[in-house]
Protein backbone atom coordinates (compact mmCIF):
# COMPACT_ATOMS: atom_id res chain seq x y z
CA MET A 1 -49.97 -19.38 -46.61
CA ASP A 2 -52.53 -20.49 -44.03
CA PHE A 3 -53.75 -16.92 -43.88
CA ILE A 4 -54.24 -16.88 -47.66
CA LYS A 5 -55.95 -20.25 -47.52
CA ASN A 6 -58.41 -19.07 -44.84
CA LEU A 7 -59.25 -15.99 -46.87
CA LEU A 8 -60.04 -18.15 -49.88
CA LEU A 9 -62.21 -20.45 -47.74
CA ASP A 10 -64.14 -17.41 -46.52
CA PHE A 11 -64.97 -16.70 -50.14
CA GLY A 12 -66.59 -20.13 -50.29
CA LEU A 13 -63.97 -21.95 -52.34
CA ASN A 14 -63.43 -25.69 -52.17
CA PRO A 15 -60.78 -26.61 -49.53
CA THR A 16 -58.69 -28.49 -52.12
CA LEU A 17 -58.91 -25.66 -54.60
CA ALA A 18 -58.18 -23.15 -51.84
CA ARG A 19 -55.03 -25.07 -50.86
CA HIS A 20 -53.71 -25.16 -54.42
CA LEU A 21 -54.55 -21.51 -55.06
CA SER A 22 -52.90 -20.44 -51.81
CA THR A 23 -49.74 -22.29 -52.87
CA ILE A 24 -49.75 -20.61 -56.29
CA ILE A 25 -50.39 -17.19 -54.74
CA MET A 26 -47.58 -17.74 -52.23
CA ILE A 27 -45.17 -18.73 -55.01
CA LEU A 28 -46.12 -15.62 -57.00
CA PHE A 29 -45.74 -13.51 -53.85
CA ILE A 30 -42.24 -14.89 -53.19
CA ALA A 31 -41.31 -14.39 -56.86
CA LEU A 32 -42.54 -10.80 -56.64
CA ILE A 33 -40.47 -10.19 -53.51
CA CYS A 34 -37.39 -11.70 -55.20
CA PHE A 35 -37.94 -9.57 -58.30
CA VAL A 36 -38.41 -6.36 -56.25
CA ALA A 37 -35.37 -7.13 -54.08
CA ASN A 38 -33.23 -7.84 -57.14
CA PHE A 39 -34.55 -4.72 -58.87
CA ILE A 40 -33.78 -2.56 -55.83
CA THR A 41 -30.30 -4.05 -55.57
CA LYS A 42 -29.48 -3.46 -59.24
CA LYS A 43 -31.17 -0.12 -59.79
CA ILE A 44 -30.42 1.55 -56.47
CA VAL A 45 -27.55 -0.11 -54.64
CA ILE A 46 -25.42 -0.79 -57.74
CA ARG A 47 -26.22 2.68 -59.12
CA VAL A 48 -25.03 4.22 -55.85
CA ILE A 49 -21.85 2.14 -55.97
CA THR A 50 -21.30 3.13 -59.61
CA HIS A 51 -21.74 6.80 -58.72
CA ILE A 52 -19.23 6.55 -55.86
CA VAL A 53 -16.68 4.78 -58.05
CA THR A 54 -17.11 7.25 -60.92
CA LYS A 55 -16.98 10.27 -58.62
CA ASN A 56 -13.80 9.14 -56.85
CA LYS A 57 -12.23 8.02 -60.17
CA LEU A 58 -11.17 4.66 -58.76
CA HIS A 59 -9.58 2.74 -61.63
CA TRP A 60 -9.89 -0.61 -59.90
CA GLY A 61 -13.54 0.19 -59.14
CA ASN A 62 -14.24 0.70 -62.86
CA ILE A 63 -12.70 -2.70 -63.57
CA LEU A 64 -14.96 -4.30 -60.94
CA LEU A 65 -17.94 -2.65 -62.62
CA GLU A 66 -16.83 -3.81 -66.09
CA ARG A 67 -16.53 -7.36 -64.81
CA LYS A 68 -20.06 -7.02 -63.29
CA VAL A 69 -18.93 -8.22 -59.86
CA PHE A 70 -21.58 -6.21 -58.00
CA ARG A 71 -24.32 -7.07 -60.49
CA LYS A 72 -23.68 -10.79 -60.08
CA LEU A 73 -23.49 -10.33 -56.32
CA SER A 74 -27.06 -9.01 -56.39
CA HIS A 75 -28.35 -12.51 -57.30
CA ILE A 76 -27.54 -13.65 -53.77
CA VAL A 77 -30.55 -11.73 -52.43
CA PRO A 78 -33.24 -13.83 -54.21
CA ALA A 79 -31.52 -17.03 -53.05
CA ILE A 80 -31.64 -15.87 -49.43
CA ILE A 81 -35.31 -14.90 -49.74
CA ILE A 82 -36.23 -18.29 -51.25
CA TYR A 83 -34.33 -20.08 -48.50
CA TYR A 84 -36.08 -17.96 -45.84
CA PHE A 85 -39.56 -18.75 -47.20
CA SER A 86 -38.85 -22.47 -47.72
CA SER A 87 -40.50 -23.28 -44.35
CA THR A 88 -43.79 -22.11 -45.85
CA PHE A 89 -43.90 -25.22 -48.03
CA LEU A 90 -43.56 -27.96 -45.44
CA THR A 91 -43.88 -30.77 -47.96
CA TYR A 92 -41.11 -29.51 -50.18
CA GLN A 93 -39.09 -27.57 -47.59
CA GLY A 94 -35.99 -29.79 -47.78
CA LEU A 95 -35.94 -29.80 -51.57
CA ILE A 96 -36.39 -26.01 -51.77
CA GLU A 97 -33.66 -25.41 -49.20
CA LYS A 98 -31.24 -27.63 -51.13
CA GLY A 99 -32.11 -25.87 -54.36
CA ALA A 100 -31.65 -22.43 -52.78
CA ILE A 101 -28.30 -23.39 -51.28
CA ALA A 102 -27.13 -24.90 -54.58
CA TYR A 103 -28.17 -21.71 -56.39
CA LEU A 104 -26.40 -19.63 -53.73
CA ILE A 105 -23.19 -21.62 -54.18
CA ILE A 106 -23.36 -21.21 -57.97
CA VAL A 107 -23.88 -17.46 -57.59
CA VAL A 108 -20.90 -17.25 -55.24
CA LEU A 109 -18.80 -19.17 -57.80
CA THR A 110 -19.74 -16.73 -60.58
CA VAL A 111 -18.92 -13.79 -58.29
CA VAL A 112 -15.54 -15.29 -57.37
CA ASN A 113 -14.83 -15.97 -61.06
CA SER A 114 -15.61 -12.34 -61.98
CA LEU A 115 -13.60 -11.11 -59.00
CA LEU A 116 -10.56 -13.15 -60.08
CA ASN A 117 -10.91 -11.76 -63.62
CA ALA A 118 -11.04 -8.25 -62.17
CA ILE A 119 -7.95 -8.92 -60.05
CA THR A 120 -6.13 -10.07 -63.21
CA ASP A 121 -7.19 -6.91 -65.08
CA ILE A 122 -6.12 -4.69 -62.17
CA TYR A 123 -2.75 -6.46 -61.94
CA GLN A 124 -2.18 -6.00 -65.68
CA THR A 125 -2.37 -2.22 -65.24
CA PHE A 126 0.98 -2.39 -63.43
CA ASP A 127 4.30 -2.71 -65.29
CA ILE A 128 5.31 -5.72 -63.22
CA SER A 129 2.56 -7.75 -64.94
CA LYS A 130 4.77 -7.98 -68.06
CA VAL A 131 7.61 -9.42 -66.00
CA ARG A 132 5.54 -11.54 -63.59
CA PRO A 133 2.23 -12.51 -65.23
CA ILE A 134 -0.31 -14.12 -62.88
CA LYS A 135 -2.93 -15.28 -65.34
CA GLY A 136 -1.76 -18.89 -65.09
CA TYR A 137 -1.95 -18.82 -61.30
CA VAL A 138 -5.39 -17.25 -61.40
CA GLN A 139 -6.59 -20.02 -63.69
CA VAL A 140 -5.30 -22.61 -61.21
CA VAL A 141 -7.24 -20.86 -58.43
CA LYS A 142 -10.34 -20.90 -60.64
CA ILE A 143 -10.00 -24.64 -61.21
CA ILE A 144 -9.67 -25.24 -57.45
CA VAL A 145 -12.62 -22.98 -56.59
CA ILE A 146 -14.89 -24.47 -59.27
CA THR A 147 -13.92 -28.00 -58.20
CA LEU A 148 -14.67 -27.28 -54.55
CA GLY A 149 -17.89 -25.48 -55.51
CA GLY A 150 -19.02 -28.44 -57.60
CA ILE A 151 -18.31 -30.79 -54.69
CA LEU A 152 -20.34 -28.59 -52.33
CA VAL A 153 -23.28 -28.45 -54.77
CA ILE A 154 -23.31 -32.23 -55.26
CA ALA A 155 -22.90 -32.89 -51.52
CA ASN A 156 -25.74 -30.47 -50.74
CA LEU A 157 -28.11 -32.09 -53.25
CA MET A 158 -27.21 -35.56 -51.97
CA GLY A 159 -27.50 -34.51 -48.35
CA GLU A 160 -24.04 -35.88 -47.60
CA SER A 161 -20.92 -34.36 -46.09
CA PRO A 162 -18.46 -32.91 -48.62
CA LEU A 163 -15.69 -34.84 -46.86
CA ILE A 164 -17.22 -38.09 -48.11
CA LEU A 165 -16.97 -36.89 -51.70
CA LEU A 166 -13.44 -35.61 -51.12
CA SER A 167 -12.37 -39.02 -49.81
CA GLY A 168 -13.80 -40.58 -52.97
CA ILE A 169 -11.78 -38.23 -55.17
CA GLY A 170 -8.59 -39.92 -53.96
CA ALA A 171 -9.62 -43.01 -55.90
CA LEU A 172 -10.07 -40.87 -59.02
CA SER A 173 -6.69 -39.15 -58.74
CA ALA A 174 -5.26 -41.11 -61.68
CA VAL A 175 -8.18 -40.07 -63.87
CA LEU A 176 -7.85 -36.46 -62.75
CA MET A 177 -4.11 -36.51 -63.49
CA LEU A 178 -4.93 -37.70 -67.01
CA VAL A 179 -7.70 -35.14 -67.54
CA PHE A 180 -5.69 -32.21 -66.18
CA LYS A 181 -2.34 -33.33 -67.62
CA ASP A 182 -1.96 -30.24 -69.84
CA SER A 183 -3.03 -27.93 -67.02
CA LEU A 184 -0.49 -29.45 -64.62
CA LEU A 185 2.27 -29.31 -67.21
CA GLY A 186 1.24 -25.75 -68.02
CA LEU A 187 1.30 -24.80 -64.34
CA VAL A 188 4.84 -26.14 -63.87
CA ALA A 189 5.96 -24.50 -67.12
CA GLY A 190 4.32 -21.21 -66.15
CA ILE A 191 6.16 -21.19 -62.82
CA GLN A 192 9.48 -21.83 -64.57
CA LEU A 193 8.82 -19.24 -67.28
CA THR A 194 7.97 -16.63 -64.65
CA SER A 195 10.64 -17.43 -62.10
CA ASN A 196 13.39 -17.58 -64.76
CA ASP A 197 12.01 -14.54 -66.61
CA MET A 198 12.16 -16.48 -69.88
CA VAL A 199 9.26 -14.74 -71.61
CA ARG A 200 7.04 -11.74 -70.94
CA VAL A 201 3.97 -10.21 -72.52
CA GLY A 202 5.24 -7.94 -75.30
CA ASP A 203 8.38 -9.99 -76.06
CA TRP A 204 9.19 -10.82 -79.66
CA ILE A 205 9.81 -14.55 -79.81
CA GLU A 206 10.60 -16.89 -82.68
CA MET A 207 9.72 -20.60 -82.52
CA PRO A 208 9.86 -22.14 -86.02
CA LYS A 209 8.65 -25.55 -84.84
CA TYR A 210 5.24 -24.06 -84.03
CA GLY A 211 5.26 -21.38 -86.75
CA ALA A 212 5.48 -18.62 -84.16
CA ASP A 213 7.30 -15.39 -85.06
CA GLY A 214 5.89 -12.27 -83.43
CA ASP A 215 4.88 -10.60 -80.16
CA VAL A 216 3.63 -12.44 -77.08
CA ILE A 217 0.18 -11.01 -76.32
CA ASP A 218 -0.96 -13.36 -73.57
CA ILE A 219 0.45 -15.98 -71.19
CA SER A 220 -2.15 -18.34 -69.74
CA LEU A 221 -2.08 -21.62 -67.84
CA ASN A 222 -1.87 -23.87 -70.89
CA THR A 223 -0.75 -21.67 -73.77
CA VAL A 224 1.37 -18.71 -74.79
CA MET A 225 -0.46 -16.63 -77.40
CA VAL A 226 1.77 -15.14 -80.10
CA GLN A 227 0.59 -12.62 -82.68
CA ASN A 228 2.74 -13.18 -85.77
CA TRP A 229 3.90 -10.37 -88.02
CA ASP A 230 1.25 -11.34 -90.59
CA LYS A 231 -1.35 -10.74 -87.82
CA THR A 232 -2.17 -14.43 -87.47
CA ILE A 233 -2.31 -15.95 -83.98
CA THR A 234 -0.23 -18.95 -82.92
CA MET A 235 -0.98 -20.82 -79.71
CA VAL A 236 2.18 -22.39 -78.26
CA PRO A 237 1.79 -24.84 -75.34
CA SER A 238 3.41 -23.43 -72.19
CA TYR A 239 5.35 -26.61 -71.51
CA ALA A 240 6.78 -26.45 -75.07
CA MET A 241 8.56 -23.24 -74.08
CA ILE A 242 10.46 -25.31 -71.51
CA SER A 243 11.02 -28.53 -73.45
CA ASP A 244 11.88 -26.90 -76.82
CA SER A 245 14.16 -24.02 -77.74
CA PHE A 246 12.97 -20.62 -78.90
CA ILE A 247 14.49 -17.23 -79.66
CA ASN A 248 13.56 -14.26 -77.50
CA TRP A 249 14.49 -10.93 -79.10
CA ARG A 250 14.00 -8.98 -75.87
CA GLY A 251 17.76 -8.60 -75.44
CA MET A 252 18.00 -6.88 -78.82
CA GLN A 253 15.05 -4.62 -78.06
CA SER A 254 16.40 -3.58 -74.67
CA SER A 255 19.98 -3.07 -75.95
CA GLY A 256 18.99 -0.12 -78.10
CA GLY A 257 20.53 -1.52 -81.27
CA ARG A 258 19.43 -3.91 -84.01
CA ARG A 259 22.04 -5.80 -85.97
CA ILE A 260 22.81 -5.35 -89.65
CA LYS A 261 24.68 -8.36 -91.03
CA ARG A 262 24.64 -8.31 -94.81
CA SER A 263 27.23 -8.71 -97.57
CA LEU A 264 28.12 -7.11 -100.88
CA PHE A 265 29.59 -9.56 -103.43
CA ILE A 266 32.41 -8.01 -105.44
CA ASP A 267 33.40 -9.41 -108.82
CA THR A 268 37.00 -10.61 -108.38
CA ASN A 269 37.90 -9.52 -111.93
CA SER A 270 37.31 -5.89 -110.96
CA ILE A 271 39.81 -5.88 -108.06
CA SER A 272 43.09 -4.09 -108.89
CA PHE A 273 45.87 -1.88 -107.55
CA CYS A 274 45.08 1.83 -107.41
CA THR A 275 46.61 3.94 -110.15
CA GLU A 276 47.79 7.51 -109.63
CA GLU A 277 44.63 8.81 -111.29
CA MET A 278 42.47 6.73 -108.95
CA ILE A 279 44.36 7.92 -105.87
CA GLU A 280 43.95 11.56 -106.88
CA LYS A 281 40.26 10.91 -107.44
CA PHE A 282 39.88 9.26 -104.02
CA LYS A 283 41.51 12.26 -102.31
CA ASN A 284 38.52 14.34 -103.36
CA ILE A 285 36.11 12.04 -101.53
CA HIS A 286 35.19 13.61 -98.19
CA TYR A 287 35.48 10.51 -96.02
CA LEU A 288 38.70 9.31 -97.71
CA SER A 289 40.95 12.34 -98.07
CA ASP A 290 42.68 11.96 -94.68
CA TYR A 291 42.80 8.18 -95.01
CA ILE A 292 44.45 8.28 -98.45
CA ILE A 293 47.07 10.83 -97.34
CA ASN A 294 47.97 8.88 -94.20
CA ARG A 295 48.05 5.52 -95.97
CA GLU A 296 50.21 6.88 -98.81
CA ARG A 297 52.71 8.23 -96.30
CA GLU A 298 52.72 4.97 -94.35
CA ILE A 299 53.13 2.79 -97.47
CA ALA A 300 55.85 5.04 -98.95
CA GLU A 301 57.81 4.94 -95.69
CA TYR A 302 57.46 1.17 -95.49
CA ASN A 303 58.62 0.64 -99.08
CA ARG A 304 61.52 3.07 -98.65
CA ASN A 305 62.72 1.42 -95.46
CA ASN A 306 62.63 -1.98 -97.12
CA GLU A 307 64.13 -0.68 -100.40
CA PHE A 308 61.48 -2.20 -102.64
CA ASN A 309 61.69 -1.61 -106.38
CA ARG A 310 58.33 -0.06 -107.11
CA SER A 311 58.73 -0.30 -110.89
CA ASN A 312 56.90 -3.59 -110.49
CA PRO A 313 53.62 -3.22 -108.53
CA VAL A 314 54.09 -6.71 -107.09
CA ASN A 315 56.96 -5.45 -104.95
CA GLY A 316 56.17 -3.84 -101.62
CA ARG A 317 52.85 -2.50 -100.51
CA ALA A 318 50.23 -0.58 -102.50
CA LEU A 319 46.64 0.53 -102.21
CA THR A 320 43.91 -1.55 -103.82
CA ASN A 321 40.52 -0.32 -104.91
CA LEU A 322 38.88 -3.00 -102.69
CA GLY A 323 40.84 -1.90 -99.62
CA VAL A 324 39.96 1.74 -100.23
CA PHE A 325 36.32 0.78 -100.72
CA ARG A 326 36.33 -1.06 -97.37
CA ALA A 327 37.83 2.00 -95.70
CA TYR A 328 35.19 4.21 -97.26
CA ILE A 329 32.37 1.95 -96.03
CA SER A 330 33.82 1.99 -92.50
CA LYS A 331 34.08 5.80 -92.47
CA TYR A 332 30.63 6.13 -94.00
CA LEU A 333 29.07 3.97 -91.27
CA GLN A 334 30.96 5.85 -88.54
CA ASN A 335 29.32 9.06 -89.72
CA HIS A 336 25.87 7.63 -90.44
CA PRO A 337 23.17 9.09 -88.09
CA GLY A 338 21.25 5.80 -88.05
CA ILE A 339 24.13 3.64 -86.79
CA ASN A 340 24.78 3.01 -83.09
CA GLN A 341 28.40 4.04 -82.56
CA GLU A 342 28.55 2.46 -79.09
CA MET A 343 28.12 -1.07 -80.43
CA THR A 344 30.22 -3.32 -82.68
CA LEU A 345 30.91 -1.82 -86.10
CA MET A 346 33.15 -3.49 -88.66
CA VAL A 347 33.54 -4.09 -92.38
CA ARG A 348 35.21 -7.40 -93.10
CA LEU A 349 36.13 -9.61 -96.04
CA LEU A 350 34.73 -13.13 -96.01
CA ALA A 351 36.04 -16.18 -97.81
CA PRO A 352 35.81 -15.85 -101.62
CA SER A 353 33.29 -18.08 -103.36
CA GLU A 354 31.89 -18.70 -106.82
CA ASN A 355 29.84 -15.53 -106.28
CA GLY A 356 32.87 -13.30 -105.79
CA VAL A 357 34.44 -11.72 -102.71
CA PRO A 358 31.90 -10.90 -99.95
CA ILE A 359 32.31 -7.64 -98.04
CA GLU A 360 30.21 -8.06 -94.91
CA ILE A 361 28.83 -5.09 -93.00
CA TYR A 362 28.39 -5.85 -89.31
CA ALA A 363 26.82 -2.96 -87.43
CA PHE A 364 23.84 -2.00 -85.28
CA THR A 365 21.18 0.60 -85.91
CA ASN A 366 20.33 2.98 -83.07
CA ASP A 367 16.59 2.29 -83.43
CA VAL A 368 15.16 -1.21 -82.93
CA ARG A 369 11.83 -0.50 -84.63
CA TRP A 370 11.39 -2.73 -87.66
CA VAL A 371 10.38 0.00 -90.11
CA VAL A 372 13.23 2.31 -89.08
CA TYR A 373 15.72 -0.57 -89.14
CA GLU A 374 14.79 -1.59 -92.68
CA SER A 375 14.89 2.04 -93.81
CA VAL A 376 18.41 2.58 -92.44
CA GLN A 377 19.66 -0.72 -93.87
CA GLY A 378 18.09 0.05 -97.25
CA ASP A 379 19.64 3.54 -97.38
CA ILE A 380 23.12 2.16 -96.62
CA PHE A 381 23.06 -0.53 -99.29
CA ASP A 382 21.39 1.73 -101.87
CA HIS A 383 24.33 4.07 -101.46
CA LEU A 384 26.99 1.35 -101.57
CA PHE A 385 25.55 -0.31 -104.67
CA ALA A 386 25.51 3.05 -106.44
CA ILE A 387 29.08 4.13 -105.56
CA ALA A 388 30.90 0.80 -106.04
CA PRO A 389 31.66 1.63 -109.74
CA GLU A 390 33.38 4.86 -108.58
CA PHE A 391 36.07 2.63 -107.06
CA GLY A 392 36.42 0.57 -110.21
CA LEU A 393 34.51 -2.33 -108.65
CA ARG A 394 31.65 -4.37 -110.03
CA ILE A 395 28.95 -5.97 -107.91
CA PHE A 396 28.70 -9.65 -108.76
CA GLN A 397 25.45 -10.83 -110.30
CA ASN A 398 24.61 -14.04 -112.10
CA PRO A 399 23.96 -13.49 -115.83
CA SER A 400 20.41 -12.42 -116.51
CA GLY A 401 18.33 -12.73 -119.67
CA ASN A 402 19.40 -9.26 -120.79
CA ASP A 403 23.08 -10.18 -120.37
CA LEU A 404 22.68 -13.29 -122.51
CA LYS A 405 20.68 -11.34 -125.07
CA ALA A 406 23.38 -8.66 -125.31
CA LEU A 407 26.05 -11.35 -125.67
CA VAL A 408 24.12 -13.02 -128.50
CA ASN A 409 23.58 -9.68 -130.25
CA GLU A 410 27.28 -8.83 -129.97
CA SER A 411 28.25 -12.23 -131.38
CA THR A 412 25.78 -11.79 -134.24
CA ARG A 413 27.25 -8.37 -135.11
CA ASP A 414 30.78 -9.80 -135.08
CA VAL A 415 29.73 -12.59 -137.45
CA MET A 416 28.04 -10.10 -139.80
CA VAL A 417 31.15 -7.90 -139.85
CA MET A 418 33.36 -10.87 -140.63
CA GLU A 419 31.06 -11.96 -143.48
CA ARG A 420 31.12 -8.50 -145.01
CA GLU A 421 34.90 -8.44 -144.85
């Protein structure tokens, strides 16, 4: 700067004006050097790095580029240049040095933040990330790094040792515990969720208290993000997953079967013993022919051994249309391509109620996908509703408007007939 000042004095400028102009010129010169250095770093060095990464097809390198780690690292160069030239301005040297160091620390913090984000992205490319997510731990590291960085910046600007500020933080521990209460609870909850393998990214969970029913799409320090089936997003606090109960459907998804547990309600007035005509008709049904023959032989032998008088159907054993229908459903499910035959399969009668006799189907589909599951379940019950009348059975249904209307019309016709007579 003295050299610039002497040149200006040689041109006959006022010493005061020459001093101010030399300062301005020096500042512009330093700014130009910083701009050129930053330009060279971004346009040449980063371009070379990008070319190397692209050429070698390094996946983790592409993630570092997407997170702009190298681009943010280039801002360190101007800070170093400013710090180096700070001795030029003797009056403001200390202030400039502090500012340059503070800027350097902030740049380093942004680089570390981007680097941690890149590490998280790289880790998520591995399958283990769904079992052992690290996003919560990375956020804890970020909090620690930013806190330490802030302390260093403040200590540098104050010209004091960082240890003095750290000793003062002990007095603020209660305040910090209050401010970071959710983060601390989330950290403990995150450790428990991960270590106990309670929830993973991609799990279907159900938590009615928080209105969550869908897939887990993210696990962070404070929250578990759930995308519900209606595509809305529910944020569940991490510690709530520990303190409250929730349903994780991962076991169903990994088992290879999804449960069907639904009932048909049979009108009790339609249940009866099978007549000879009905038995002959049932023998022509593919899934029942062997069953009917074997059961007839078994029942006839039982009645003969016990010498029952079969002139009264109450005596001995006999087939019922409900029993045959249950047998048909069982055989039908055993031959259905959408039912998992390796898992529990049964057709059972539940306790009768005012709605009739429930026949419950308890089985598992061999595909856990929701659309396929509903399709298989729909096909089964479509078929059963349609064939129930073939067994002389009626599906129970509360009277509808059409039923009442038909009853009124029938009563009106009866009254008209009686009046005519």
